[in-house]
Amino acid sequence: MAFLIVFYAGISAGGPTAAASESPSNDKRLAIIIDDVGNDMRGTAEILAMPVKLTVAVMPFLPTTKKDAIAAHEKGMDVIVHMPMEPKKGRPEWLGPGAITSNLTDEEVRSRVEKAIDDVPHAIGMNNHMGSKITSNKRIMSIVLDVCKERGLFFVDSRTNFRSVVGELAVSKNMPPVGNDIFLDDQNSKQHIRKQLDLAAQRAIDKNICVVIGHVGHSGMNTSAVIRESVSRLQNQVQFVGIGDLVRDVWQWHFAPTLPTDNK
């Protein structure tokens, strides 16, 4: 719970709620992150064609990694690296290439994160793909966050493990403790996804911001369809923003890389 206290304290102390707004939606903001982009999975084209700003989390080293990242950037969406990380349970083949696993040395972790960042054009942040085992590992996550900070990227904790150390480490490194609030498509039905999206919108109204995660692939067509049909219904209640907009406005955190990156 300390994670959430830090998160919302940052909002009230000079974040978007500090200034009056002409439109009620301006300070009620919803950031939708779409995971698993980069492998031409179902729903990708539909997500990239959305009429509102989304964030696409692109997996590195896959057939459409660069194509999808560039397309999203050109459409004004935010791009982040969807970094494969070892889970407590799950098939190894689900991870994808270049994954962070618990048996890696410090140098190997650093190298893999650097290469992943360089492989995803226009990335401004990173989140974890799977990773329930790694996000609770202080040694490894400290290295991941150090590389992100050096390259000017923030890290979004997908919160696949309630014992995650990402939030506390981010605060200790003067990085924004960004985390997922709601999964849209943990059940693959339009009815459930619609209910989750409405829940997210209400959270944004109540708390001023909400970060949610959906996916392309297995649920991609349902997720993209529900988002599209919900836009006109929700636009008068919340503002759809990129995750980078929240990072800048809530924590006044600006990207200042201290090491060169090839991903721009």
Foldseek 3Di string as FASTA:
>chain_A
DVLVVVQLVLCVPQFPVVDDDPAQAPLLEEEEEAEDPAAPFAQLVLVLPAPAEYEYAAEFPHDCQAVSLVSSVVSVHAYAHAAFEDAPDDDPVVRDPLHHYPPDDLVSLLVSLQVSLQRHARHQAYEYDRHQPPQLPVSSLLSNQVSCQQAQYAYEYACPHVNGPQSVSCVVVVGHSHYADEEQPPPQDLVSNLVRVVVQSVCSSVSSYHYYYYYGHPNNVSNSVSCRVCCVVRVSRHHYDHPVVNRCRSSVRGGDHNDDHNRD
